């Protein structure tokens, strides 16, 4: 089974489908970056090839197949990734996948391909994949990991069964994070709240420097609404914090500001520890918060996609937009 507690529901669904011979040939795994899509896909691929897997798809960890999977050398698993982060998955990689899928399985059962991230495929690659999705060979299982499924062609999405993973602040996830960081449950909960319930983002935020940078962003957003600022200089400052992390943090800040506005007493409300966050929630109406979140999300998609957009320009665009939200409050 998946060792990540927030993935147990999805794992149970696939384990049941596999046990009843109803496993789809193509699965689209979706969720925010940091939710563990790659980890889930690789673990599930291993469970399909384990020689002693039980009805819950738990890997035995001892058979030859499990040893090969753990070493990353199983001949029936193919990983398809961009050559470099942020680059495209080219048609040549997908053609290799098609050839791989049509070869006989070494185990006599499944052949599994993990495409990660699937939205990095260029148009030619997606069109080539579509052909094998329409006529998959027997035993083929393709796992597409994608945090931005809207960027995939509808023809691809419609031929995959989607399995969604969401943020989680439940007890099991808090305990997992607390154990990983050697902190108490309350600290783990606060980190998860800041990270929108996304555990691997919370791990990254646990670094004192990351928390400090995020707090600085909140303060900068407040000051931008009170006084004029040079967007170029501020964008340069934010870019030095790390890109595209800043755009992820902006999304989390705005999401938390919405919580502060709509549910002042809710458990996910962080205004008690960050007065600047409450100030943002008080000064902006809901439509302004949502519009700003949407822009941060679009710019993140532009920054992490295969189009090589100018990072500083994307930050400058957000800053100018944010400055414009101050105008209605000064009438």
C-alpha atoms as a PDB file:
ATOM      1  CA  UNK A   1       0.000   0.000   0.000  1.00  0.00           C
ATOM      2  CA  UNK A   2       1.016   3.625  -0.363  1.00  0.00           C
ATOM      3  CA  UNK A   3       2.995   4.742   2.694  1.00  0.00           C
ATOM      4  CA  UNK A   4       1.476   8.237   2.379  1.00  0.00           C
ATOM      5  CA  UNK A   5      -1.650   8.381   4.577  1.00  0.00           C
ATOM      6  CA  UNK A   6      -3.520  10.987   2.549  1.00  0.00           C
ATOM      7  CA  UNK A   7      -3.488   8.610  -0.449  1.00  0.00           C
ATOM      8  CA  UNK A   8      -5.216   5.623   1.141  1.00  0.00           C
ATOM      9  CA  UNK A   9      -8.653   6.278  -0.391  1.00  0.00           C
ATOM     10  CA  UNK A  10      -7.252   6.445  -3.917  1.00  0.00           C
ATOM     11  CA  UNK A  11      -5.091   3.387  -3.309  1.00  0.00           C
ATOM     12  CA  UNK A  12      -8.100   1.379  -2.123  1.00  0.00           C
ATOM     13  CA  UNK A  13     -10.037   2.342  -5.266  1.00  0.00           C
ATOM     14  CA  UNK A  14      -7.287   1.120  -7.575  1.00  0.00           C
ATOM     15  CA  UNK A  15      -6.585  -1.998  -5.513  1.00  0.00           C
ATOM     16  CA  UNK A  16     -10.250  -2.960  -5.779  1.00  0.00           C
ATOM     17  CA  UNK A  17     -10.278  -2.310  -9.530  1.00  0.00           C
ATOM     18  CA  UNK A  18      -7.138  -4.415 -10.021  1.00  0.00           C
ATOM     19  CA  UNK A  19      -8.482  -7.276  -7.857  1.00  0.00           C
ATOM     20  CA  UNK A  20     -11.698  -7.382  -9.906  1.00  0.00           C
ATOM     21  CA  UNK A  21      -9.900  -7.076 -13.265  1.00  0.00           C
ATOM     22  CA  UNK A  22     -11.419  -3.621 -13.843  1.00  0.00           C
ATOM     23  CA  UNK A  23      -8.213  -1.623 -13.914  1.00  0.00           C
ATOM     24  CA  UNK A  24      -8.322   1.001 -16.699  1.00  0.00           C
ATOM     25  CA  UNK A  25      -5.507   1.065 -19.211  1.00  0.00           C
ATOM     26  CA  UNK A  26      -4.902   4.791 -18.589  1.00  0.00           C
ATOM     27  CA  UNK A  27      -5.099   6.723 -15.317  1.00  0.00           C
ATOM     28  CA  UNK A  28      -4.774  10.487 -14.997  1.00  0.00           C
ATOM     29  CA  UNK A  29      -3.475  11.260 -11.489  1.00  0.00           C
ATOM     30  CA  UNK A  30      -4.197  14.896 -10.632  1.00  0.00           C
ATOM     31  CA  UNK A  31      -3.547  17.109  -7.635  1.00  0.00           C
ATOM     32  CA  UNK A  32      -1.498  20.087  -6.475  1.00  0.00           C
ATOM     33  CA  UNK A  33       2.270  19.990  -6.767  1.00  0.00           C
ATOM     34  CA  UNK A  34       3.658  18.407  -3.616  1.00  0.00           C
ATOM     35  CA  UNK A  35       0.781  15.959  -3.080  1.00  0.00           C
ATOM     36  CA  UNK A  36       2.937  12.966  -4.085  1.00  0.00           C
ATOM     37  CA  UNK A  37       1.614  11.950  -7.511  1.00  0.00           C
ATOM     38  CA  UNK A  38       4.958  10.554  -8.660  1.00  0.00           C
ATOM     39  CA  UNK A  39       5.395   8.553  -5.462  1.00  0.00           C
ATOM     40  CA  UNK A  40       1.901   7.099  -5.798  1.00  0.00           C
ATOM     41  CA  UNK A  41       2.372   6.190  -9.467  1.00  0.00           C
ATOM     42  CA  UNK A  42       5.676   4.409  -8.883  1.00  0.00           C
ATOM     43  CA  UNK A  43       4.387   2.511  -5.856  1.00  0.00           C
ATOM     44  CA  UNK A  44       1.279   1.412  -7.704  1.00  0.00           C
ATOM     45  CA  UNK A  45       3.354   0.369 -10.725  1.00  0.00           C
ATOM     46  CA  UNK A  46       5.440  -1.765  -8.394  1.00  0.00           C
ATOM     47  CA  UNK A  47       2.358  -3.338  -6.842  1.00  0.00           C
ATOM     48  CA  UNK A  48       1.082  -4.399 -10.278  1.00  0.00           C
ATOM     49  CA  UNK A  49       4.321  -6.274 -10.939  1.00  0.00           C
ATOM     50  CA  UNK A  50       4.850  -7.767  -7.465  1.00  0.00           C
ATOM     51  CA  UNK A  51       4.731 -11.569  -7.640  1.00  0.00           C
ATOM     52  CA  UNK A  52       3.121 -11.881  -4.206  1.00  0.00           C
ATOM     53  CA  UNK A  53       0.854  -8.812  -3.972  1.00  0.00           C
ATOM     54  CA  UNK A  54      -2.291  -9.295  -1.872  1.00  0.00           C
ATOM     55  CA  UNK A  55      -5.829  -8.161  -2.620  1.00  0.00           C
ATOM     56  CA  UNK A  56      -4.974  -4.724  -1.188  1.00  0.00           C
ATOM     57  CA  UNK A  57      -2.154  -4.447  -3.765  1.00  0.00           C
ATOM     58  CA  UNK A  58       0.429  -4.410  -0.983  1.00  0.00           C
ATOM     59  CA  UNK A  59       3.910  -5.173  -2.304  1.00  0.00           C
ATOM     60  CA  UNK A  60       5.759  -7.978  -0.582  1.00  0.00           C
ATOM     61  CA  UNK A  61       9.073  -6.151  -0.961  1.00  0.00           C
ATOM     62  CA  UNK A  62      11.013  -9.397  -1.219  1.00  0.00           C
ATOM     63  CA  UNK A  63      10.286 -10.989  -4.590  1.00  0.00           C
ATOM     64  CA  UNK A  64      12.528 -10.467  -7.598  1.00  0.00           C
ATOM     65  CA  UNK A  65      10.072  -7.991  -9.109  1.00  0.00           C
ATOM     66  CA  UNK A  66      10.021  -5.844  -5.951  1.00  0.00           C
ATOM     67  CA  UNK A  67      13.818  -5.848  -5.797  1.00  0.00           C
ATOM     68  CA  UNK A  68      14.026  -4.707  -9.430  1.00  0.00           C
ATOM     69  CA  UNK A  69      11.392  -2.006  -8.875  1.00  0.00           C
ATOM     70  CA  UNK A  70      13.210  -0.726  -5.799  1.00  0.00           C
ATOM     71  CA  UNK A  71      16.449  -0.527  -7.803  1.00  0.00           C
ATOM     72  CA  UNK A  72      14.653   1.275 -10.648  1.00  0.00           C
ATOM     73  CA  UNK A  73      15.537  -1.497 -13.086  1.00  0.00           C
ATOM     74  CA  UNK A  74      12.323  -3.420 -13.709  1.00  0.00           C
ATOM     75  CA  UNK A  75      12.066  -4.096 -17.466  1.00  0.00           C
ATOM     76  CA  UNK A  76       8.259  -3.721 -17.440  1.00  0.00           C
ATOM     77  CA  UNK A  77       8.252  -0.151 -16.061  1.00  0.00           C
ATOM     78  CA  UNK A  78       9.072   2.844 -18.229  1.00  0.00           C
ATOM     79  CA  UNK A  79       9.351   6.390 -16.868  1.00  0.00           C
ATOM     80  CA  UNK A  80       8.813   9.223 -19.329  1.00  0.00           C
ATOM     81  CA  UNK A  81      10.074  12.616 -18.144  1.00  0.00           C
ATOM     82  CA  UNK A  82      11.392  15.791 -19.769  1.00  0.00           C
ATOM     83  CA  UNK A  83      15.151  15.814 -20.278  1.00  0.00           C
ATOM     84  CA  UNK A  84      15.300  18.827 -17.936  1.00  0.00           C
ATOM     85  CA  UNK A  85      12.725  20.301 -15.519  1.00  0.00           C
ATOM     86  CA  UNK A  86      10.498  22.787 -17.302  1.00  0.00           C
ATOM     87  CA  UNK A  87      11.256  21.354 -20.756  1.00  0.00           C
ATOM     88  CA  UNK A  88       8.838  19.556 -23.063  1.00  0.00           C
ATOM     89  CA  UNK A  89       8.281  15.833 -23.406  1.00  0.00           C
ATOM     90  CA  UNK A  90       9.021  15.348 -27.074  1.00  0.00           C
ATOM     91  CA  UNK A  91       7.367  13.064 -29.587  1.00  0.00           C
ATOM     92  CA  UNK A  92      10.457  10.817 -29.636  1.00  0.00           C
ATOM     93  CA  UNK A  93       9.908   9.889 -25.976  1.00  0.00           C
ATOM     94  CA  UNK A  94       6.280   8.977 -26.619  1.00  0.00           C
ATOM     95  CA  UNK A  95       7.211   6.924 -29.691  1.00  0.00           C
ATOM     96  CA  UNK A  96       9.598   4.986 -27.447  1.00  0.00           C
ATOM     97  CA  UNK A  97       6.709   4.479 -25.021  1.00  0.00           C
ATOM     98  CA  UNK A  98       4.526   3.088 -27.820  1.00  0.00           C
ATOM     99  CA  UNK A  99       7.278   0.646 -28.828  1.00  0.00           C
ATOM    100  CA  UNK A 100       7.778  -0.342 -25.178  1.00  0.00           C
ATOM    101  CA  UNK A 101       4.072  -1.040 -24.690  1.00  0.00           C
ATOM    102  CA  UNK A 102       3.923  -3.347 -27.721  1.00  0.00           C
ATOM    103  CA  UNK A 103       6.812  -5.528 -26.520  1.00  0.00           C
ATOM    104  CA  UNK A 104       6.030  -8.710 -24.630  1.00  0.00           C
ATOM    105  CA  UNK A 105       5.972  -8.370 -20.862  1.00  0.00           C
ATOM    106  CA  UNK A 106       8.899  -9.977 -19.044  1.00  0.00           C
ATOM    107  CA  UNK A 107       6.585 -10.866 -16.165  1.00  0.00           C
ATOM    108  CA  UNK A 108       3.859 -12.176 -18.460  1.00  0.00           C
ATOM    109  CA  UNK A 109       1.400  -9.637 -17.086  1.00  0.00           C
ATOM    110  CA  UNK A 110       1.432  -5.832 -17.067  1.00  0.00           C
ATOM    111  CA  UNK A 111       3.658  -3.280 -18.746  1.00  0.00           C
ATOM    112  CA  UNK A 112       3.484   0.077 -16.982  1.00  0.00           C
ATOM    113  CA  UNK A 113       4.472   3.552 -18.167  1.00  0.00           C
ATOM    114  CA  UNK A 114       4.612   6.606 -15.884  1.00  0.00           C
ATOM    115  CA  UNK A 115       4.415   9.950 -17.721  1.00  0.00           C
ATOM    116  CA  UNK A 116       5.444  12.739 -15.382  1.00  0.00           C
ATOM    117  CA  UNK A 117       4.426  15.516 -15.782  1.00  0.00           C
ATOM    118  CA  UNK A 118       1.949  14.630 -18.506  1.00  0.00           C
ATOM    119  CA  UNK A 119       1.161  18.287 -19.279  1.00  0.00           C
ATOM    120  CA  UNK A 120       4.774  18.725 -20.450  1.00  0.00           C
ATOM    121  CA  UNK A 121       3.994  16.789 -23.639  1.00  0.00           C
ATOM    122  CA  UNK A 122       4.102  18.946 -26.738  1.00  0.00           C
ATOM    123  CA  UNK A 123       1.298  18.671 -29.299  1.00  0.00           C
ATOM    124  CA  UNK A 124       3.008  16.037 -31.430  1.00  0.00           C
ATOM    125  CA  UNK A 125       3.761  13.926 -28.364  1.00  0.00           C
ATOM    126  CA  UNK A 126       0.152  14.165 -27.145  1.00  0.00           C
ATOM    127  CA  UNK A 127      -1.171  13.176 -30.568  1.00  0.00           C
ATOM    128  CA  UNK A 128       1.129  10.151 -30.649  1.00  0.00           C
ATOM    129  CA  UNK A 129       0.040   9.095 -27.161  1.00  0.00           C
ATOM    130  CA  UNK A 130      -3.605   9.433 -28.215  1.00  0.00           C
ATOM    131  CA  UNK A 131      -3.186   6.605 -30.723  1.00  0.00           C
ATOM    132  CA  UNK A 132      -2.145   4.080 -28.082  1.00  0.00           C
ATOM    133  CA  UNK A 133      -4.791   5.341 -25.657  1.00  0.00           C
ATOM    134  CA  UNK A 134      -7.403   4.571 -28.305  1.00  0.00           C
ATOM    135  CA  UNK A 135      -6.035   1.069 -29.015  1.00  0.00           C
ATOM    136  CA  UNK A 136      -3.977  -0.064 -25.993  1.00  0.00           C
ATOM    137  CA  UNK A 137      -2.290  -3.469 -26.146  1.00  0.00           C
ATOM    138  CA  UNK A 138      -3.289  -6.104 -23.619  1.00  0.00           C
ATOM    139  CA  UNK A 139      -1.748  -5.573 -20.189  1.00  0.00           C
ATOM    140  CA  UNK A 140      -0.797  -1.944 -20.848  1.00  0.00           C
ATOM    141  CA  UNK A 141      -1.228   0.490 -17.951  1.00  0.00           C
ATOM    142  CA  UNK A 142      -0.323   4.148 -18.399  1.00  0.00           C
ATOM    143  CA  UNK A 143      -0.146   6.451 -15.378  1.00  0.00           C
ATOM    144  CA  UNK A 144      -0.195  10.160 -16.261  1.00  0.00           C
ATOM    145  CA  UNK A 145       0.834  12.484 -13.413  1.00  0.00           C
ATOM    146  CA  UNK A 146      -0.427  16.025 -13.836  1.00  0.00           C
ATOM    147  CA  UNK A 147      -0.920  18.952 -11.454  1.00  0.00           C
ATOM    148  CA  UNK A 148      -2.427  21.074 -14.245  1.00  0.00           C
ATOM    149  CA  UNK A 149      -4.798  18.752 -16.150  1.00  0.00           C
ATOM    150  CA  UNK A 150      -6.465  21.687 -17.926  1.00  0.00           C
ATOM    151  CA  UNK A 151      -3.329  21.982 -20.049  1.00  0.00           C
ATOM    152  CA  UNK A 152      -3.820  18.490 -21.457  1.00  0.00           C
ATOM    153  CA  UNK A 153      -5.864  18.130 -24.652  1.00  0.00           C
ATOM    154  CA  UNK A 154      -9.443  17.091 -23.961  1.00  0.00           C
ATOM    155  CA  UNK A 155      -8.877  14.106 -26.250  1.00  0.00           C
ATOM    156  CA  UNK A 156      -6.249  12.801 -23.793  1.00  0.00           C
ATOM    157  CA  UNK A 157      -8.303  13.515 -20.674  1.00  0.00           C
ATOM    158  CA  UNK A 158     -11.413  11.878 -22.084  1.00  0.00           C
ATOM    159  CA  UNK A 159      -9.553   8.596 -22.634  1.00  0.00           C
ATOM    160  CA  UNK A 160      -8.175   8.385 -19.099  1.00  0.00           C
ATOM    161  CA  UNK A 161      -9.889   7.673 -15.815  1.00  0.00           C
ATOM    162  CA  UNK A 162      -9.094  10.590 -13.545  1.00  0.00           C
ATOM    163  CA  UNK A 163      -8.030  10.026  -9.947  1.00  0.00           C
ATOM    164  CA  UNK A 164      -7.889  13.255  -7.957  1.00  0.00           C
ATOM    165  CA  UNK A 165      -5.722  13.895  -4.879  1.00  0.00           C
ATOM    166  CA  UNK A 166      -6.553  16.825  -2.604  1.00  0.00           C
ATOM    167  CA  UNK A 167      -4.850  18.608   0.272  1.00  0.00           C
ATOM    168  CA  UNK A 168      -5.397  17.028   3.666  1.00  0.00           C
ATOM    169  CA  UNK A 169      -4.910  18.249   7.242  1.00  0.00           C
ATOM    170  CA  UNK A 170      -6.294  15.113   8.899  1.00  0.00           C
ATOM    171  CA  UNK A 171      -4.792  13.397  11.917  1.00  0.00           C
ATOM    172  CA  UNK A 172      -2.885  10.716   9.985  1.00  0.00           C
ATOM    173  CA  UNK A 173      -1.296  13.311   7.699  1.00  0.00           C
ATOM    174  CA  UNK A 174      -0.395  15.535  10.667  1.00  0.00           C
ATOM    175  CA  UNK A 175       1.238  12.579  12.405  1.00  0.00           C
ATOM    176  CA  UNK A 176       3.187  11.700   9.244  1.00  0.00           C
ATOM    177  CA  UNK A 177       4.483  15.260   8.957  1.00  0.00           C
ATOM    178  CA  UNK A 178       5.225  15.549  12.674  1.00  0.00           C
ATOM    179  CA  UNK A 179       7.267  12.345  12.541  1.00  0.00           C
ATOM    180  CA  UNK A 180       9.180  13.448   9.446  1.00  0.00           C
ATOM    181  CA  UNK A 181      10.071  16.795  11.029  1.00  0.00           C
ATOM    182  CA  UNK A 182      10.293  15.647  14.656  1.00  0.00           C
ATOM    183  CA  UNK A 183       7.796  18.331  15.749  1.00  0.00           C
ATOM    184  CA  UNK A 184       4.554  18.280  17.729  1.00  0.00           C
ATOM    185  CA  UNK A 185       1.120  17.888  16.149  1.00  0.00           C
ATOM    186  CA  UNK A 186       0.227  21.575  16.543  1.00  0.00           C
ATOM    187  CA  UNK A 187       3.326  22.671  14.621  1.00  0.00           C
ATOM    188  CA  UNK A 188       2.617  20.103  11.906  1.00  0.00           C
ATOM    189  CA  UNK A 189      -0.959  21.389  11.647  1.00  0.00           C
ATOM    190  CA  UNK A 190       0.203  25.008  11.293  1.00  0.00           C
ATOM    191  CA  UNK A 191       2.601  24.030   8.502  1.00  0.00           C
ATOM    192  CA  UNK A 192      -0.093  22.051   6.685  1.00  0.00           C
ATOM    193  CA  UNK A 193      -2.480  25.004   6.923  1.00  0.00           C
ATOM    194  CA  UNK A 194       0.117  27.319   5.418  1.00  0.00           C
ATOM    195  CA  UNK A 195       0.752  24.796   2.645  1.00  0.00           C
ATOM    196  CA  UNK A 196      -2.919  24.354   1.793  1.00  0.00           C
ATOM    197  CA  UNK A 197      -2.900  20.797   3.159  1.00  0.00           C
ATOM    198  CA  UNK A 198      -0.164  19.679   0.741  1.00  0.00           C
ATOM    199  CA  UNK A 199       2.327  17.637   2.797  1.00  0.00           C
ATOM    200  CA  UNK A 200       5.469  17.892   0.669  1.00  0.00           C
ATOM    201  CA  UNK A 201       4.972  21.654   0.398  1.00  0.00           C
ATOM    202  CA  UNK A 202       4.676  21.705   4.188  1.00  0.00           C
ATOM    203  CA  UNK A 203       8.003  19.864   4.418  1.00  0.00           C
ATOM    204  CA  UNK A 204       9.625  22.551   2.279  1.00  0.00           C
ATOM    205  CA  UNK A 205       8.032  25.312   4.352  1.00  0.00           C
ATOM    206  CA  UNK A 206       9.453  23.799   7.530  1.00  0.00           C
ATOM    207  CA  UNK A 207      12.746  25.433   6.721  1.00  0.00           C
ATOM    208  CA  UNK A 208      12.937  28.599   8.817  1.00  0.00           C
ATOM    209  CA  UNK A 209      14.131  30.552   5.801  1.00  0.00           C
ATOM    210  CA  UNK A 210      11.086  29.506   3.756  1.00  0.00           C
ATOM    211  CA  UNK A 211       8.674  30.559   6.487  1.00  0.00           C
ATOM    212  CA  UNK A 212      10.455  33.891   6.808  1.00  0.00           C
ATOM    213  CA  UNK A 213      10.246  34.485   3.040  1.00  0.00           C
ATOM    214  CA  UNK A 214       6.539  33.727   3.011  1.00  0.00           C
ATOM    215  CA  UNK A 215       5.945  36.153   5.894  1.00  0.00           C
ATOM    216  CA  UNK A 216       7.935  38.790   3.996  1.00  0.00           C
ATOM    217  CA  UNK A 217       5.691  38.259   0.975  1.00  0.00           C
ATOM    218  CA  UNK A 218       2.585  38.885   3.092  1.00  0.00           C
ATOM    219  CA  UNK A 219       4.125  42.076   4.491  1.00  0.00           C
ATOM    220  CA  UNK A 220       5.133  43.225   1.001  1.00  0.00           C
ATOM    221  CA  UNK A 221       1.578  42.692  -0.237  1.00  0.00           C
ATOM    222  CA  UNK A 222       0.245  44.889   2.552  1.00  0.00           C
ATOM    223  CA  UNK A 223       2.783  47.626   1.921  1.00  0.00           C
ATOM    224  CA  UNK A 224       2.074  47.575  -1.821  1.00  0.00           C
ATOM    225  CA  UNK A 225      -1.496  48.624  -1.114  1.00  0.00           C
ATOM    226  CA  UNK A 226      -0.406  51.528   1.067  1.00  0.00           C
ATOM    227  CA  UNK A 227       2.378  53.123  -0.972  1.00  0.00           C
ATOM    228  CA  UNK A 228       3.819  53.238  -4.454  1.00  0.00           C
ATOM    229  CA  UNK A 229       6.574  50.759  -5.208  1.00  0.00           C
ATOM    230  CA  UNK A 230       8.837  49.929  -8.106  1.00  0.00           C
ATOM    231  CA  UNK A 231       7.489  46.681  -9.604  1.00  0.00           C
ATOM    232  CA  UNK A 232      10.833  45.900 -11.261  1.00  0.00           C
ATOM    233  CA  UNK A 233      12.795  46.197  -7.997  1.00  0.00           C
ATOM    234  CA  UNK A 234      10.223  44.203  -6.008  1.00  0.00           C
ATOM    235  CA  UNK A 235      10.063  41.502  -8.668  1.00  0.00           C
ATOM    236  CA  UNK A 236      13.842  41.214  -8.486  1.00  0.00           C
ATOM    237  CA  UNK A 237      13.624  40.807  -4.705  1.00  0.00           C
ATOM    238  CA  UNK A 238      10.940  38.124  -4.983  1.00  0.00           C
ATOM    239  CA  UNK A 239      12.772  36.274  -7.741  1.00  0.00           C
ATOM    240  CA  UNK A 240      15.756  35.955  -5.412  1.00  0.00           C
ATOM    241  CA  UNK A 241      13.490  34.125  -2.922  1.00  0.00           C
ATOM    242  CA  UNK A 242      13.245  31.247  -5.383  1.00  0.00           C
ATOM    243  CA  UNK A 243      11.189  30.745  -8.493  1.00  0.00           C
ATOM    244  CA  UNK A 244       8.506  29.391  -8.996  1.00  0.00           C
ATOM    245  CA  UNK A 245       8.149  28.901  -5.222  1.00  0.00           C
ATOM    246  CA  UNK A 246       7.106  32.552  -4.844  1.00  0.00           C
ATOM    247  CA  UNK A 247       4.086  32.020  -7.083  1.00  0.00           C
ATOM    248  CA  UNK A 248       3.119  28.916  -5.097  1.00  0.00           C
ATOM    249  CA  UNK A 249       3.401  30.918  -1.862  1.00  0.00           C
ATOM    250  CA  UNK A 250       1.302  33.741  -3.328  1.00  0.00           C
ATOM    251  CA  UNK A 251      -1.443  31.231  -4.111  1.00  0.00           C
ATOM    252  CA  UNK A 252      -1.297  29.859  -0.563  1.00  0.00           C
ATOM    253  CA  UNK A 253      -1.367  33.363   0.953  1.00  0.00           C
ATOM    254  CA  UNK A 254      -4.415  34.341  -1.081  1.00  0.00           C
ATOM    255  CA  UNK A 255      -6.173  31.055  -0.349  1.00  0.00           C
ATOM    256  CA  UNK A 256      -5.604  31.602   3.370  1.00  0.00           C
ATOM    257  CA  UNK A 257      -6.817  35.208   3.048  1.00  0.00           C
ATOM    258  CA  UNK A 258     -10.088  33.882   1.613  1.00  0.00           C
ATOM    259  CA  UNK A 259     -10.422  31.580   4.639  1.00  0.00           C
ATOM    260  CA  UNK A 260      -9.801  34.546   6.965  1.00  0.00           C
ATOM    261  CA  UNK A 261     -12.509  36.512   5.165  1.00  0.00           C
ATOM    262  CA  UNK A 262     -15.172  33.835   4.898  1.00  0.00           C
ATOM    263  CA  UNK A 263     -14.633  31.854   8.089  1.00  0.00           C
ATOM    264  CA  UNK A 264     -12.990  33.992  10.797  1.00  0.00           C
ATOM    265  CA  UNK A 265     -13.289  31.285  13.437  1.00  0.00           C
ATOM    266  CA  UNK A 266     -12.453  28.293  11.273  1.00  0.00           C
ATOM    267  CA  UNK A 267      -9.584  25.938  12.251  1.00  0.00           C
ATOM    268  CA  UNK A 268      -7.698  26.867   9.048  1.00  0.00           C
ATOM    269  CA  UNK A 269      -7.712  30.579   9.892  1.00  0.00           C
ATOM    270  CA  UNK A 270      -4.138  31.871  10.220  1.00  0.00           C
ATOM    271  CA  UNK A 271      -5.010  35.486  11.068  1.00  0.00           C
ATOM    272  CA  UNK A 272      -4.219  34.980  14.741  1.00  0.00           C
ATOM    273  CA  UNK A 273      -0.551  34.387  13.898  1.00  0.00           C
ATOM    274  CA  UNK A 274      -0.316  36.844  11.006  1.00  0.00           C
ATOM    275  CA  UNK A 275      -1.995  40.228  11.339  1.00  0.00           C
ATOM    276  CA  UNK A 276      -0.925  41.223   7.832  1.00  0.00           C
ATOM    277  CA  UNK A 277      -2.920  38.311   6.437  1.00  0.00           C
ATOM    278  CA  UNK A 278      -6.047  39.504   8.236  1.00  0.00           C
ATOM    279  CA  UNK A 279      -5.388  43.020   6.932  1.00  0.00           C
ATOM    280  CA  UNK A 280      -5.391  41.707   3.366  1.00  0.00           C
ATOM    281  CA  UNK A 281      -8.638  39.816   4.026  1.00  0.00           C
ATOM    282  CA  UNK A 282     -10.267  42.929   5.519  1.00  0.00           C
ATOM    283  CA  UNK A 283      -9.215  45.380   2.791  1.00  0.00           C
ATOM    284  CA  UNK A 284     -10.021  43.334  -0.317  1.00  0.00           C
ATOM    285  CA  UNK A 285     -13.370  41.997  -1.348  1.00  0.00           C
ATOM    286  CA  UNK A 286     -13.780  38.366  -2.350  1.00  0.00           C
ATOM    287  CA  UNK A 287     -13.710  39.049  -6.097  1.00  0.00           C
ATOM    288  CA  UNK A 288     -10.355  40.859  -5.772  1.00  0.00           C
ATOM    289  CA  UNK A 289      -8.853  37.983  -3.778  1.00  0.00           C
ATOM    290  CA  UNK A 290     -10.095  35.401  -6.285  1.00  0.00           C
ATOM    291  CA  UNK A 291      -8.885  37.452  -9.277  1.00  0.00           C
ATOM    292  CA  UNK A 292      -5.435  37.803  -7.694  1.00  0.00           C
ATOM    293  CA  UNK A 293      -5.309  34.081  -6.924  1.00  0.00           C
ATOM    294  CA  UNK A 294      -6.269  33.265 -10.518  1.00  0.00           C
ATOM    295  CA  UNK A 295      -3.476  35.487 -11.847  1.00  0.00           C
ATOM    296  CA  UNK A 296      -0.901  33.890  -9.516  1.00  0.00           C
ATOM    297  CA  UNK A 297      -2.083  30.469 -10.691  1.00  0.00           C
ATOM    298  CA  UNK A 298      -1.948  31.406 -14.398  1.00  0.00           C
ATOM    299  CA  UNK A 299       1.516  32.864 -14.023  1.00  0.00           C
ATOM    300  CA  UNK A 300       2.662  29.746 -12.158  1.00  0.00           C
ATOM    301  CA  UNK A 301       1.356  27.634 -15.033  1.00  0.00           C
ATOM    302  CA  UNK A 302       3.198  29.860 -17.481  1.00  0.00           C
ATOM    303  CA  UNK A 303       6.391  29.651 -15.444  1.00  0.00           C
ATOM    304  CA  UNK A 304       6.389  25.866 -15.027  1.00  0.00           C
ATOM    305  CA  UNK A 305       5.165  24.964 -18.503  1.00  0.00           C
ATOM    306  CA  UNK A 306       7.214  24.240 -21.601  1.00  0.00           C
ATOM    307  CA  UNK A 307       7.030  27.795 -22.948  1.00  0.00           C
ATOM    308  CA  UNK A 308      10.006  29.322 -21.096  1.00  0.00           C
ATOM    309  CA  UNK A 309       8.189  32.545 -20.144  1.00  0.00           C
ATOM    310  CA  UNK A 310      10.155  35.336 -18.491  1.00  0.00           C
ATOM    311  CA  UNK A 311      10.077  34.779 -14.745  1.00  0.00           C
ATOM    312  CA  UNK A 312      10.611  38.345 -13.643  1.00  0.00           C
ATOM    313  CA  UNK A 313       8.025  39.586 -16.124  1.00  0.00           C
ATOM    314  CA  UNK A 314       5.418  37.261 -14.604  1.00  0.00           C
ATOM    315  CA  UNK A 315       6.178  38.602 -11.128  1.00  0.00           C
ATOM    316  CA  UNK A 316       6.023  42.195 -12.369  1.00  0.00           C
ATOM    317  CA  UNK A 317       2.608  41.499 -13.913  1.00  0.00           C
ATOM    318  CA  UNK A 318       1.287  40.216 -10.581  1.00  0.00           C
ATOM    319  CA  UNK A 319       2.725  43.187  -8.670  1.00  0.00           C
ATOM    320  CA  UNK A 320       1.145  45.722 -11.033  1.00  0.00           C
ATOM    321  CA  UNK A 321      -2.185  43.905 -10.745  1.00  0.00           C
ATOM    322  CA  UNK A 322      -1.932  43.882  -6.953  1.00  0.00           C
ATOM    323  CA  UNK A 323      -1.176  47.602  -6.861  1.00  0.00           C
ATOM    324  CA  UNK A 324      -4.343  48.221  -8.903  1.00  0.00           C
ATOM    325  CA  UNK A 325      -6.451  46.601  -6.162  1.00  0.00           C
ATOM    326  CA  UNK A 326      -5.612  49.545  -3.863  1.00  0.00           C
ATOM    327  CA  UNK A 327      -7.451  52.065  -6.047  1.00  0.00           C
ATOM    328  CA  UNK A 328     -11.053  51.216  -5.118  1.00  0.00           C
ATOM    329  CA  UNK A 329     -10.290  51.498  -1.396  1.00  0.00           C
ATOM    330  CA  UNK A 330      -8.980  55.068  -1.816  1.00  0.00           C
ATOM    331  CA  UNK A 331     -12.121  56.562  -3.360  1.00  0.00           C
END
